[in-house]
Protein backbone atom coordinates (compact mmCIF):
# COMPACT_ATOMS: atom_id res chain seq x y z
CA MET A 1 109.03 88.14 107.91
CA THR A 2 109.62 91.23 105.88
CA PRO A 3 112.39 93.75 105.31
CA GLY A 4 111.42 97.12 106.73
CA PRO A 5 110.06 98.69 109.91
CA ARG A 6 108.23 96.58 112.44
CA SER A 7 105.09 97.48 114.39
CA ARG A 8 103.01 95.97 117.17
CA PRO A 9 100.16 93.71 115.95
CA PRO A 10 96.53 94.36 116.89
CA GLN A 11 95.07 92.20 119.65
CA ARG A 12 92.37 90.51 117.54
CA PRO A 13 93.74 87.88 115.09
CA VAL A 14 92.84 88.08 111.44
CA HIS A 15 92.31 84.35 111.08
CA ALA A 16 93.55 80.99 112.22
CA PRO A 17 95.39 79.29 109.33
CA GLY A 18 95.20 75.58 108.71
CA ARG A 19 97.98 73.08 108.10
CA LEU A 20 100.65 73.86 105.52
CA SER A 21 99.44 71.04 103.30
CA THR A 22 96.21 72.97 102.75
CA ALA A 23 97.90 76.25 101.80
CA ARG A 24 97.32 77.02 98.12
CA LEU A 25 99.79 79.24 96.27
CA ARG A 26 98.66 81.50 93.45
CA PRO A 27 100.17 84.47 91.63
CA LEU A 28 98.56 87.91 91.60
CA ASN A 29 98.90 90.53 88.91
CA ARG A 30 99.10 94.25 89.69
CA ARG A 31 95.34 94.78 89.61
CA GLN A 32 94.67 91.82 91.89
CA ALA A 33 97.37 92.91 94.33
CA GLU A 34 95.90 96.40 94.46
CA GLU A 35 92.45 94.96 95.14
CA MET A 36 93.89 92.92 98.05
CA ARG A 37 95.95 95.77 99.52
CA ASP A 38 93.87 96.02 102.71
CA ASP A 39 94.06 92.28 103.40
CA LEU A 40 97.81 92.34 102.72
CA ALA A 41 98.27 95.24 105.12
CA ASP A 42 96.15 93.56 107.81
CA LEU A 43 98.36 90.47 107.75
CA TYR A 44 101.53 92.57 107.69
CA VAL A 45 100.47 94.46 110.83
CA GLN A 46 99.45 91.25 112.55
CA CYS A 47 102.72 89.49 111.75
CA THR A 48 105.17 92.23 112.76
CA GLY A 49 105.42 93.92 116.11
CA THR A 50 107.73 95.54 118.62
CA GLY A 51 107.78 98.80 120.50
CA THR A 52 106.47 100.53 123.60
CA ALA A 53 103.96 103.03 122.16
CA PRO A 54 100.23 102.22 122.19
CA ALA A 55 99.44 99.28 119.91
CA HIS A 56 97.06 101.26 117.69
CA ALA A 57 99.73 103.93 117.04
CA HIS A 58 102.37 101.41 116.00
CA ALA A 59 99.85 99.50 113.89
CA TYR A 60 98.79 102.65 112.05
CA ARG A 61 102.35 103.76 111.27
CA GLY A 62 103.37 100.27 110.25
CA ARG A 63 100.33 99.87 108.02
CA GLU A 64 100.87 103.20 106.27
CA ARG A 65 104.55 102.46 105.65
CA PHE A 66 103.69 99.07 104.27
CA LEU A 67 101.02 100.43 101.91
CA HIS A 68 103.42 103.14 100.70
CA ARG A 69 106.09 100.55 99.93
CA LEU A 70 103.61 98.24 98.23
CA ALA A 71 102.38 101.10 96.03
CA GLY A 72 105.95 101.83 94.98
CA ASP A 73 106.74 98.21 94.18
CA LEU A 74 103.54 97.87 92.14
CA ARG A 75 104.89 100.52 89.78
CA GLN A 76 108.14 98.64 89.19
CA PRO A 77 108.67 96.74 85.92
CA GLY A 78 108.47 93.00 86.42
CA PHE A 79 106.41 93.17 89.62
CA GLY A 80 105.30 89.79 90.93
CA MET A 81 103.37 88.48 93.93
CA ILE A 82 102.47 85.05 95.24
CA VAL A 83 99.85 84.59 97.97
CA ALA A 84 99.22 81.56 100.15
CA GLU A 85 95.67 80.83 101.21
CA THR A 86 93.91 78.31 103.41
CA THR A 87 90.45 79.45 104.49
CA ALA A 88 91.95 82.97 104.49
CA LEU A 89 95.20 84.72 103.65
CA ALA A 90 98.11 82.85 105.28
CA GLY A 91 101.10 84.59 103.70
CA TYR A 92 102.57 86.26 100.65
CA VAL A 93 105.78 87.34 98.96
CA PHE A 94 106.37 90.07 96.41
CA GLY A 95 109.10 91.91 94.56
CA PHE A 96 110.23 92.95 91.10
CA SER A 97 112.89 92.32 88.47
CA VAL A 98 116.20 94.09 89.06
CA GLY A 99 117.03 96.40 86.16
CA ARG A 100 119.93 95.45 83.93
CA GLU A 101 121.56 98.85 84.52
CA GLY A 102 122.27 97.82 88.13
CA THR A 103 120.73 100.73 90.03
CA TRP A 104 119.59 98.23 92.69
CA TRP A 105 123.24 97.98 93.78
CA ARG A 106 123.85 101.75 93.91
CA GLY A 107 125.78 102.62 97.05
CA PHE A 108 127.32 99.15 97.35
CA HIS A 109 130.47 99.37 99.45
CA GLY A 110 133.16 98.44 96.95
CA SER A 111 131.85 96.48 93.98
CA PRO A 112 129.30 93.65 93.90
CA PRO A 113 130.80 90.23 93.15
CA GLN A 114 131.37 89.65 89.44
CA VAL A 115 128.80 86.85 89.31
CA VAL A 116 126.19 89.23 90.73
CA GLU A 117 127.08 91.97 88.23
CA ARG A 118 126.94 89.47 85.36
CA LEU A 119 123.54 88.12 86.33
CA THR A 120 122.20 91.63 86.85
CA ALA A 121 123.34 92.69 83.36
CA ALA A 122 121.67 89.55 81.98
CA GLY A 123 118.34 90.43 83.60
CA GLN A 124 118.36 87.31 85.78
CA VAL A 125 118.10 88.91 89.24
CA PHE A 126 114.79 89.32 91.06
CA ALA A 127 114.42 91.51 94.15
CA VAL A 128 112.32 90.05 96.96
CA THR A 129 111.07 93.05 98.92
CA ALA A 130 108.66 91.37 101.35
CA ILE A 131 107.93 87.92 102.75
CA VAL A 132 105.01 87.92 105.19
CA VAL A 133 103.79 84.68 106.76
CA HIS A 134 101.28 84.12 109.57
CA PRO A 135 103.13 83.06 112.77
CA HIS A 136 101.29 79.71 112.81
CA GLU A 137 102.80 78.86 109.42
CA ARG A 138 106.39 79.97 109.98
CA ASP A 139 107.65 76.59 111.16
CA ARG A 140 105.86 74.70 108.38
CA GLY A 141 107.99 75.70 105.42
CA LEU A 142 105.60 78.23 103.90
CA SER A 143 108.17 81.03 103.61
CA GLY A 144 110.44 78.81 101.56
CA ARG A 145 107.60 77.63 99.33
CA LEU A 146 106.57 81.21 98.63
CA GLN A 147 110.02 82.46 97.70
CA ARG A 148 110.78 79.44 95.52
CA ARG A 149 107.53 79.85 93.59
CA LEU A 150 108.01 83.59 93.04
CA LEU A 151 111.59 83.25 91.84
CA ALA A 152 110.78 80.25 89.64
CA ASP A 153 107.84 82.05 88.03
CA HIS A 154 110.19 84.89 87.06
CA HIS A 155 112.97 82.57 85.82
CA ALA A 156 115.49 84.19 88.17
CA ALA A 157 119.01 82.85 88.63
CA LEU A 158 119.54 85.00 91.72
CA GLY A 159 117.29 86.50 94.39
CA ALA A 160 118.29 89.81 95.98
CA THR A 161 117.12 91.76 98.99
CA LEU A 162 118.26 94.70 101.13
CA LEU A 163 117.78 94.73 104.90
CA ALA A 164 118.43 97.44 107.46
CA ARG A 165 121.62 96.48 109.26
CA VAL A 166 119.91 96.92 112.63
CA ASP A 167 117.12 94.47 111.74
CA ASP A 168 118.58 91.26 113.16
CA ASP A 169 115.22 89.46 113.10
CA ALA A 170 114.82 89.90 109.34
CA TYR A 171 118.46 88.93 108.79
CA SER A 172 118.05 85.73 110.78
CA GLY A 173 114.84 84.90 108.92
CA PHE A 174 116.38 85.34 105.47
CA THR A 175 119.58 83.46 106.25
CA ALA A 176 117.48 80.58 107.58
CA LEU A 177 115.92 80.43 104.10
CA GLY A 178 119.31 80.11 102.43
CA TRP A 179 120.20 83.76 101.76
CA HIS A 180 123.82 84.99 102.00
CA GLN A 181 125.15 88.46 102.76
CA ILE A 182 127.52 89.72 100.06
CA GLY A 183 128.18 93.22 101.36
CA GLU A 184 126.59 96.47 102.46
CA VAL A 185 124.80 99.26 100.65
CA HIS A 186 124.98 102.87 101.84
CA ARG A 187 122.04 105.12 100.97
CA PRO A 188 121.43 108.81 101.74
CA PHE A 189 117.79 108.11 102.70
CA GLY A 190 115.99 105.60 104.90
CA PRO A 191 118.27 103.26 106.88
CA ALA A 192 121.81 104.57 106.31
CA VAL A 193 123.35 101.10 106.00
CA LEU A 194 121.66 98.10 104.40
CA ARG A 195 122.79 94.50 104.26
CA ALA A 196 122.84 93.15 100.72
CA LEU A 197 121.71 89.52 100.61
CA VAL A 198 121.37 87.14 97.69
CA LEU A 199 119.82 83.72 97.15
CA PRO A 200 121.53 81.65 94.44
CA LEU A 201 119.34 79.49 92.21
CA GLY A 202 120.61 76.76 89.93
CA ASP A 203 123.81 74.76 90.20
CA ARG A 204 126.18 77.23 88.50
CA THR A 205 125.03 80.25 90.48
CA THR A 206 125.00 78.28 93.73
CA ALA A 207 128.55 77.03 93.11
CA ALA A 208 129.82 80.53 92.31
CA LEU A 209 128.25 82.05 95.43
CA HIS A 210 129.37 79.14 97.59
CA ASP A 211 132.96 79.69 96.50
CA LEU A 212 132.61 83.41 97.24
CA THR A 213 131.28 82.88 100.77
CA ARG A 214 133.77 80.06 101.44
CA ARG A 215 136.59 82.50 100.74
CA GLY A 216 135.06 84.82 103.29
CA ARG A 217 133.67 87.78 101.29
CA PRO A 218 132.16 89.45 103.13
CA GLN A 219 131.64 88.56 106.75
CA HIS A 220 128.44 89.59 108.55
CA ARG A 221 128.94 92.52 110.86
CA GLY A 222 126.49 92.73 113.71
């Protein structure tokens, strides 16, 4: 599962992962992530796929887009990545710290909730820009383990992500992991409308976001 464009996977699998209990989580620094870029891209292409064009064409475009996005995230302050491994790469998550100046929320329709603005200004928000997990591991809790470890390692009080409004698969995947939509972001480039989702961490943040969603702001629009 990952925010962003989807492409058809190649026919030959990268590996057959073992049981979740054997998956080891470990953080990667920028240099290590760069060294693993080809393996990360291979798993991304394998794990995402729709479309009617020839498989190799979709795989190439999806791979290049992924590598471009990874290169951009690697340059962000506070970049972090966690990989899960069995006998081979089984999944990973990465992202970066949201700047205190709040540019992450630029284009937000209206204003972000006060609790979100406060945590952003305090430097306690971490953007999760990709969660990629081998299909055999998706029903074994690995996605949740990865996101919890990444956010805990960066002492975040709130996770944040932006998803294309048309990407219902990604939306369903993130909400299944406990994320909540708080509004929409309008950008002049890329997908015109993005769903803004957050994941509260800690009792106070969870209570504040629960009260916000209970009062119905905002509702998901399909």
